N, C-alpha and C. Protein backbone atom coordinates (compact mmCIF):
# COMPACT_ATOMS: atom_id res chain seq x y z
N UNK A 1 0.81 -1.18 0.00
CA UNK A 1 0.00 0.00 0.00
C UNK A 1 0.86 1.25 0.00
N UNK A 2 0.37 2.23 -0.71
CA UNK A 2 1.14 3.46 -0.83
C UNK A 2 0.71 4.40 0.29
N UNK A 3 1.64 4.82 1.11
CA UNK A 3 1.25 5.79 2.10
C UNK A 3 0.84 7.09 1.40
N UNK A 4 -0.03 7.75 1.99
CA UNK A 4 -0.56 9.01 1.44
C UNK A 4 -1.35 8.80 0.14
N UNK A 5 -1.88 7.64 -0.07
CA UNK A 5 -2.69 7.37 -1.25
C UNK A 5 -3.96 8.21 -1.24
N UNK A 6 -4.47 8.46 -0.05
CA UNK A 6 -5.66 9.31 0.05
C UNK A 6 -5.37 10.73 -0.40
N UNK A 7 -4.11 11.16 -0.18
CA UNK A 7 -3.73 12.50 -0.59
C UNK A 7 -3.75 12.60 -2.12
N UNK A 8 -3.22 11.54 -2.75
CA UNK A 8 -3.21 11.52 -4.20
C UNK A 8 -4.65 11.50 -4.73
N UNK A 9 -5.51 10.73 -4.10
CA UNK A 9 -6.93 10.67 -4.50
C UNK A 9 -7.61 12.03 -4.32
N UNK A 10 -7.31 12.69 -3.22
CA UNK A 10 -7.88 14.01 -2.97
C UNK A 10 -7.40 15.02 -4.02
N UNK A 11 -6.14 14.99 -4.37
CA UNK A 11 -5.60 15.91 -5.36
C UNK A 11 -6.25 15.63 -6.72
N UNK A 12 -6.36 14.36 -7.11
CA UNK A 12 -7.00 14.01 -8.37
C UNK A 12 -8.46 14.47 -8.36
N UNK A 13 -9.16 14.25 -7.26
CA UNK A 13 -10.55 14.69 -7.14
C UNK A 13 -10.69 16.20 -7.30
N UNK A 14 -9.80 16.96 -6.65
CA UNK A 14 -9.83 18.42 -6.77
C UNK A 14 -9.53 18.87 -8.20
N UNK A 15 -8.58 18.20 -8.86
CA UNK A 15 -8.26 18.55 -10.24
C UNK A 15 -9.48 18.30 -11.14
N UNK A 16 -10.18 17.19 -10.92
CA UNK A 16 -11.37 16.89 -11.71
C UNK A 16 -12.45 17.95 -11.46
N UNK A 17 -12.67 18.32 -10.21
CA UNK A 17 -13.68 19.34 -9.89
C UNK A 17 -13.31 20.67 -10.54
N UNK A 18 -12.07 21.08 -10.46
CA UNK A 18 -11.64 22.33 -11.07
C UNK A 18 -11.82 22.27 -12.58
N UNK A 19 -11.49 21.13 -13.20
CA UNK A 19 -11.65 20.99 -14.64
C UNK A 19 -13.12 21.08 -15.04
N UNK A 20 -14.01 20.42 -14.29
CA UNK A 20 -15.44 20.48 -14.58
C UNK A 20 -15.95 21.91 -14.43
N UNK A 21 -15.57 22.59 -13.37
CA UNK A 21 -16.00 23.98 -13.16
C UNK A 21 -15.48 24.85 -14.29
N UNK A 22 -14.23 24.62 -14.72
CA UNK A 22 -13.65 25.42 -15.81
C UNK A 22 -14.39 25.18 -17.13
N UNK A 23 -14.90 23.97 -17.33
CA UNK A 23 -15.64 23.68 -18.56
C UNK A 23 -17.09 24.15 -18.49
N UNK A 24 -17.73 24.03 -17.35
CA UNK A 24 -19.15 24.34 -17.22
C UNK A 24 -19.39 25.85 -17.10
N UNK A 25 -18.50 26.57 -16.47
CA UNK A 25 -18.69 28.00 -16.26
C UNK A 25 -18.90 28.77 -17.57
N UNK A 26 -18.06 28.59 -18.58
CA UNK A 26 -18.33 29.32 -19.84
C UNK A 26 -19.67 28.92 -20.47
N UNK A 27 -20.04 27.67 -20.35
CA UNK A 27 -21.32 27.23 -20.89
C UNK A 27 -22.46 27.95 -20.19
N UNK A 28 -22.39 28.05 -18.87
CA UNK A 28 -23.43 28.74 -18.10
C UNK A 28 -23.46 30.24 -18.43
N UNK A 29 -22.31 30.84 -18.60
CA UNK A 29 -22.25 32.27 -18.94
C UNK A 29 -22.87 32.49 -20.32
N UNK A 30 -22.55 31.64 -21.29
CA UNK A 30 -23.13 31.77 -22.62
C UNK A 30 -24.64 31.55 -22.58
N UNK A 31 -25.09 30.58 -21.79
CA UNK A 31 -26.53 30.33 -21.67
C UNK A 31 -27.24 31.55 -21.09
N UNK A 32 -26.63 32.18 -20.11
CA UNK A 32 -27.21 33.39 -19.52
C UNK A 32 -27.29 34.51 -20.57
N UNK A 33 -26.22 34.69 -21.34
CA UNK A 33 -26.22 35.73 -22.38
C UNK A 33 -27.28 35.43 -23.44
N UNK A 34 -27.41 34.17 -23.85
CA UNK A 34 -28.42 33.80 -24.84
C UNK A 34 -29.82 34.05 -24.28
N UNK A 35 -30.03 33.72 -23.01
CA UNK A 35 -31.33 33.97 -22.37
C UNK A 35 -31.65 35.46 -22.33
N UNK A 36 -30.67 36.28 -22.01
CA UNK A 36 -30.87 37.73 -21.98
C UNK A 36 -31.20 38.25 -23.38
N UNK A 37 -30.47 37.79 -24.38
CA UNK A 37 -30.74 38.21 -25.76
C UNK A 37 -32.13 37.75 -26.21
N UNK A 38 -32.53 36.55 -25.81
CA UNK A 38 -33.85 36.04 -26.19
C UNK A 38 -34.95 36.91 -25.57
N UNK A 39 -34.79 37.31 -24.33
CA UNK A 39 -35.78 38.18 -23.69
C UNK A 39 -35.84 39.54 -24.38
N UNK A 40 -34.68 40.09 -24.73
CA UNK A 40 -34.65 41.38 -25.44
C UNK A 40 -35.31 41.25 -26.81
N UNK A 41 -35.05 40.17 -27.52
CA UNK A 41 -35.65 39.94 -28.83
C UNK A 41 -37.16 39.78 -28.71
N UNK A 42 -37.60 39.05 -27.69
CA UNK A 42 -39.04 38.87 -27.48
C UNK A 42 -39.72 40.21 -27.22
N UNK A 43 -39.09 41.07 -26.42
CA UNK A 43 -39.66 42.39 -26.15
C UNK A 43 -39.70 43.23 -27.43
N UNK A 44 -38.64 43.16 -28.24
CA UNK A 44 -38.61 43.92 -29.49
C UNK A 44 -39.67 43.41 -30.46
N UNK A 45 -39.87 42.11 -30.52
CA UNK A 45 -40.90 41.55 -31.39
C UNK A 45 -42.29 41.97 -30.92
N UNK A 46 -42.49 42.01 -29.62
CA UNK A 46 -43.79 42.45 -29.09
C UNK A 46 -44.06 43.90 -29.48
N UNK A 47 -43.04 44.75 -29.37
CA UNK A 47 -43.20 46.16 -29.78
C UNK A 47 -43.48 46.24 -31.27
N UNK A 48 -42.79 45.44 -32.06
CA UNK A 48 -43.01 45.47 -33.52
C UNK A 48 -44.42 45.00 -33.86
N UNK A 49 -44.91 43.97 -33.16
CA UNK A 49 -46.27 43.49 -33.40
C UNK A 49 -47.28 44.58 -33.08
N UNK A 50 -47.06 45.29 -31.98
CA UNK A 50 -47.98 46.38 -31.61
C UNK A 50 -47.99 47.47 -32.69
N UNK A 51 -46.82 47.75 -33.26
CA UNK A 51 -46.72 48.80 -34.26
C UNK A 51 -47.23 48.38 -35.63
N UNK A 52 -47.27 47.08 -35.90
CA UNK A 52 -47.67 46.61 -37.22
C UNK A 52 -48.98 45.84 -37.23
N UNK A 53 -49.66 45.77 -36.10
CA UNK A 53 -50.92 45.01 -36.04
C UNK A 53 -51.94 45.62 -36.99
N UNK A 54 -51.90 46.94 -37.14
CA UNK A 54 -52.78 47.62 -38.06
C UNK A 54 -54.24 47.41 -37.74
N UNK A 55 -55.04 47.44 -38.79
CA UNK A 55 -56.49 47.34 -38.66
C UNK A 55 -56.90 46.03 -37.99
N UNK A 56 -56.24 44.94 -38.32
CA UNK A 56 -56.59 43.63 -37.76
C UNK A 56 -56.34 43.57 -36.25
N UNK A 57 -55.57 44.52 -35.72
CA UNK A 57 -55.30 44.55 -34.29
C UNK A 57 -56.27 45.44 -33.52
N UNK A 58 -57.19 46.10 -34.23
CA UNK A 58 -58.14 47.01 -33.59
C UNK A 58 -59.52 46.37 -33.52
N UNK A 59 -60.20 46.59 -32.42
CA UNK A 59 -61.56 46.08 -32.27
C UNK A 59 -62.56 47.13 -32.77
N UNK A 60 -63.81 46.72 -32.83
CA UNK A 60 -64.88 47.62 -33.26
C UNK A 60 -64.92 48.87 -32.40
N UNK A 61 -64.71 48.70 -31.11
CA UNK A 61 -64.75 49.85 -30.20
C UNK A 61 -63.55 50.78 -30.37
N UNK A 62 -62.49 50.30 -31.05
CA UNK A 62 -61.27 51.08 -31.20
C UNK A 62 -61.26 52.00 -32.41
N UNK A 63 -62.31 51.96 -33.24
CA UNK A 63 -62.30 52.76 -34.46
C UNK A 63 -63.48 53.72 -34.50
N UNK A 64 -63.24 54.87 -35.15
CA UNK A 64 -64.26 55.89 -35.36
C UNK A 64 -64.33 56.19 -36.85
N UNK A 65 -65.53 56.29 -37.37
CA UNK A 65 -65.72 56.63 -38.77
C UNK A 65 -65.49 58.12 -38.95
N UNK A 66 -64.49 58.48 -39.77
CA UNK A 66 -64.15 59.88 -39.96
C UNK A 66 -64.54 60.41 -41.33
N UNK A 67 -64.72 59.52 -42.30
CA UNK A 67 -65.06 59.99 -43.63
C UNK A 67 -65.47 58.84 -44.52
N UNK A 68 -66.18 59.17 -45.59
CA UNK A 68 -66.59 58.18 -46.58
C UNK A 68 -66.25 58.75 -47.96
N UNK A 69 -65.62 57.94 -48.79
CA UNK A 69 -65.22 58.34 -50.13
C UNK A 69 -65.77 57.34 -51.13
N UNK A 70 -65.79 57.73 -52.38
CA UNK A 70 -66.16 56.79 -53.44
C UNK A 70 -64.89 56.47 -54.21
N UNK A 71 -64.59 55.18 -54.35
CA UNK A 71 -63.42 54.73 -55.08
C UNK A 71 -63.82 53.58 -55.99
N UNK A 72 -63.61 53.74 -57.26
CA UNK A 72 -63.94 52.72 -58.26
C UNK A 72 -65.40 52.30 -58.16
N UNK A 73 -66.26 53.27 -57.94
CA UNK A 73 -67.69 53.03 -57.89
C UNK A 73 -68.21 52.43 -56.60
N UNK A 74 -67.38 52.30 -55.59
CA UNK A 74 -67.82 51.73 -54.30
C UNK A 74 -67.39 52.67 -53.17
N UNK A 75 -68.16 52.62 -52.09
CA UNK A 75 -67.80 53.43 -50.93
C UNK A 75 -66.62 52.81 -50.20
N UNK A 76 -65.73 53.65 -49.75
CA UNK A 76 -64.64 53.26 -48.84
C UNK A 76 -64.71 54.20 -47.64
N UNK A 77 -64.31 53.69 -46.50
CA UNK A 77 -64.41 54.47 -45.27
C UNK A 77 -63.03 54.85 -44.76
N UNK A 78 -62.96 56.02 -44.17
CA UNK A 78 -61.75 56.46 -43.46
C UNK A 78 -62.02 56.27 -41.97
N UNK A 79 -61.22 55.42 -41.35
CA UNK A 79 -61.37 55.15 -39.93
C UNK A 79 -60.19 55.75 -39.17
N UNK A 80 -60.47 56.21 -37.97
CA UNK A 80 -59.42 56.68 -37.07
C UNK A 80 -59.36 55.69 -35.92
N UNK A 81 -58.17 55.14 -35.67
CA UNK A 81 -58.02 54.13 -34.63
C UNK A 81 -57.47 54.71 -33.35
N UNK A 82 -57.61 53.95 -32.26
CA UNK A 82 -57.05 54.37 -30.98
C UNK A 82 -55.53 54.41 -31.02
N UNK A 83 -54.93 53.81 -32.06
CA UNK A 83 -53.48 53.87 -32.23
C UNK A 83 -53.05 55.17 -32.92
N UNK A 84 -54.03 56.10 -33.09
CA UNK A 84 -53.80 57.42 -33.69
C UNK A 84 -53.43 57.33 -35.17
N UNK A 85 -53.82 56.26 -35.84
CA UNK A 85 -53.58 56.10 -37.28
C UNK A 85 -54.90 56.16 -38.01
N UNK A 86 -54.84 56.52 -39.30
CA UNK A 86 -56.02 56.55 -40.15
C UNK A 86 -55.94 55.38 -41.12
N UNK A 87 -57.07 54.71 -41.30
CA UNK A 87 -57.14 53.54 -42.17
C UNK A 87 -58.21 53.77 -43.24
N UNK A 88 -57.93 53.34 -44.45
CA UNK A 88 -58.91 53.33 -45.53
C UNK A 88 -59.38 51.88 -45.64
N UNK A 89 -60.69 51.66 -45.49
CA UNK A 89 -61.21 50.29 -45.49
C UNK A 89 -62.32 50.14 -46.52
N UNK A 90 -62.52 48.91 -46.92
CA UNK A 90 -63.56 48.54 -47.87
C UNK A 90 -64.45 47.48 -47.24
N UNK A 91 -65.59 47.27 -47.85
CA UNK A 91 -66.48 46.20 -47.42
C UNK A 91 -65.69 44.88 -47.48
N UNK A 92 -65.81 44.10 -46.43
CA UNK A 92 -65.10 42.82 -46.36
C UNK A 92 -63.82 42.86 -45.56
N UNK A 93 -63.28 44.07 -45.29
CA UNK A 93 -62.07 44.16 -44.48
C UNK A 93 -62.38 43.71 -43.06
N UNK A 94 -61.34 43.18 -42.39
CA UNK A 94 -61.55 42.60 -41.07
C UNK A 94 -60.90 43.43 -39.96
N UNK A 95 -61.62 43.50 -38.86
CA UNK A 95 -61.11 44.06 -37.62
C UNK A 95 -60.78 42.87 -36.71
N UNK A 96 -60.25 43.16 -35.53
CA UNK A 96 -59.91 42.09 -34.60
C UNK A 96 -61.14 41.29 -34.19
N UNK A 97 -62.29 41.94 -34.13
CA UNK A 97 -63.49 41.25 -33.64
C UNK A 97 -64.66 41.31 -34.62
N UNK A 98 -64.39 41.58 -35.88
CA UNK A 98 -65.51 41.64 -36.80
C UNK A 98 -65.10 41.93 -38.23
N UNK A 99 -66.11 42.07 -39.07
CA UNK A 99 -65.90 42.31 -40.50
C UNK A 99 -66.77 43.47 -40.95
N UNK A 100 -66.23 44.34 -41.78
CA UNK A 100 -67.01 45.46 -42.31
C UNK A 100 -67.95 44.91 -43.37
N UNK A 101 -69.24 45.06 -43.13
CA UNK A 101 -70.26 44.49 -44.01
C UNK A 101 -70.77 45.48 -45.05
N UNK A 102 -71.01 46.73 -44.62
CA UNK A 102 -71.60 47.72 -45.51
C UNK A 102 -71.01 49.09 -45.22
N UNK A 103 -70.81 49.86 -46.29
CA UNK A 103 -70.41 51.25 -46.16
C UNK A 103 -71.37 52.06 -47.03
N UNK A 104 -72.00 53.06 -46.42
CA UNK A 104 -72.86 53.96 -47.17
C UNK A 104 -72.29 55.37 -47.04
N UNK A 105 -72.98 56.34 -47.60
CA UNK A 105 -72.49 57.72 -47.53
C UNK A 105 -72.57 58.28 -46.11
N UNK A 106 -73.34 57.67 -45.24
CA UNK A 106 -73.53 58.20 -43.88
C UNK A 106 -73.07 57.29 -42.75
N UNK A 107 -72.81 56.00 -43.05
CA UNK A 107 -72.47 55.09 -41.96
C UNK A 107 -71.73 53.87 -42.48
N UNK A 108 -71.21 53.10 -41.50
CA UNK A 108 -70.54 51.84 -41.79
C UNK A 108 -71.15 50.80 -40.85
N UNK A 109 -71.40 49.60 -41.38
CA UNK A 109 -71.98 48.51 -40.60
C UNK A 109 -70.91 47.43 -40.41
N UNK A 110 -70.68 47.06 -39.14
CA UNK A 110 -69.70 46.03 -38.81
C UNK A 110 -70.44 44.84 -38.22
N UNK A 111 -70.14 43.65 -38.73
CA UNK A 111 -70.67 42.41 -38.16
C UNK A 111 -69.65 41.98 -37.11
N UNK A 112 -69.98 42.22 -35.84
CA UNK A 112 -69.04 41.99 -34.74
C UNK A 112 -69.26 40.61 -34.13
N UNK A 113 -68.16 39.91 -33.87
CA UNK A 113 -68.22 38.62 -33.17
C UNK A 113 -68.30 38.90 -31.67
N UNK A 114 -69.27 38.27 -31.00
CA UNK A 114 -69.44 38.46 -29.55
C UNK A 114 -68.69 37.33 -28.86
N UNK A 115 -67.74 37.70 -28.02
CA UNK A 115 -66.91 36.70 -27.33
C UNK A 115 -67.27 36.54 -25.87
N UNK A 116 -68.48 36.92 -25.50
CA UNK A 116 -68.94 36.80 -24.12
C UNK A 116 -69.53 35.40 -23.93
N UNK A 117 -68.92 34.55 -23.09
CA UNK A 117 -69.45 33.20 -22.91
C UNK A 117 -70.84 33.17 -22.27
N UNK A 118 -71.25 34.24 -21.62
CA UNK A 118 -72.56 34.29 -20.99
C UNK A 118 -73.65 34.76 -21.96
N UNK A 119 -73.23 35.26 -23.11
CA UNK A 119 -74.19 35.76 -24.09
C UNK A 119 -74.63 34.65 -25.03
N UNK A 120 -75.92 34.61 -25.31
CA UNK A 120 -76.43 33.65 -26.28
C UNK A 120 -76.19 34.15 -27.69
N UNK A 121 -76.01 35.45 -27.80
CA UNK A 121 -75.78 36.09 -29.09
C UNK A 121 -74.30 35.92 -29.46
N UNK A 122 -74.02 35.39 -30.64
CA UNK A 122 -72.64 35.18 -31.09
C UNK A 122 -72.15 36.27 -32.04
N UNK A 123 -73.08 36.99 -32.66
CA UNK A 123 -72.75 38.10 -33.55
C UNK A 123 -73.75 39.23 -33.33
N UNK A 124 -73.28 40.45 -33.64
CA UNK A 124 -74.21 41.59 -33.61
C UNK A 124 -73.74 42.61 -34.64
N UNK A 125 -74.67 43.42 -35.07
CA UNK A 125 -74.35 44.48 -36.02
C UNK A 125 -74.08 45.77 -35.25
N UNK A 126 -72.99 46.41 -35.59
CA UNK A 126 -72.62 47.68 -34.96
C UNK A 126 -72.56 48.73 -36.06
N UNK A 127 -73.29 49.81 -35.86
CA UNK A 127 -73.29 50.92 -36.82
C UNK A 127 -72.36 52.01 -36.32
N UNK A 128 -71.50 52.44 -37.21
CA UNK A 128 -70.63 53.59 -36.94
C UNK A 128 -71.13 54.70 -37.85
N UNK A 129 -71.67 55.73 -37.24
CA UNK A 129 -72.24 56.84 -38.01
C UNK A 129 -71.18 57.89 -38.29
N UNK A 130 -71.30 58.52 -39.45
CA UNK A 130 -70.42 59.60 -39.82
C UNK A 130 -70.85 60.87 -39.10
N UNK A 131 -69.96 61.48 -38.38
CA UNK A 131 -70.28 62.72 -37.66
C UNK A 131 -69.80 63.89 -38.51
N UNK A 132 -70.68 64.86 -38.69
CA UNK A 132 -70.33 66.04 -39.48
C UNK A 132 -69.62 67.05 -38.60
N UNK A 133 -68.89 67.96 -39.21
CA UNK A 133 -68.10 68.93 -38.47
C UNK A 133 -68.95 69.86 -37.62
N UNK A 134 -70.26 70.03 -37.95
CA UNK A 134 -71.11 70.90 -37.15
C UNK A 134 -71.73 70.15 -35.97
N UNK A 135 -71.34 68.88 -35.78
CA UNK A 135 -71.83 68.12 -34.64
C UNK A 135 -73.09 67.33 -34.91
N UNK A 136 -73.68 67.47 -36.09
CA UNK A 136 -74.89 66.71 -36.41
C UNK A 136 -74.52 65.42 -37.10
N UNK A 137 -75.46 64.50 -37.09
CA UNK A 137 -75.23 63.22 -37.78
C UNK A 137 -75.70 63.27 -39.20
């Protein structure tokens, strides 16, 4: 038997532990950096989605009818959204919760999907009236 064999075993054990720590530490640091970058990218994508959702990201309650025009023989509507943008829409265009069904010279009709689980009604018609500058309809 070799005297001090336990010492040699202890030294080998410590060398193995130091080697494992030296190998694992950079991996953990890189994983942390990748996680941080992923969170930053996710936040940037969320901001981009908010900025590019457009009309499909707005609900019926989020839009106001500001004007009606005739284009190629059909009415088109100018909507103002809560995102402070103006949209030109046609019959058939979709909102987050409905579809534009009719546009006339005085109003726009939206077929809105009702997402209330307590409501028996699954759809309803919402009229957006054109308001004139003098305050009358």
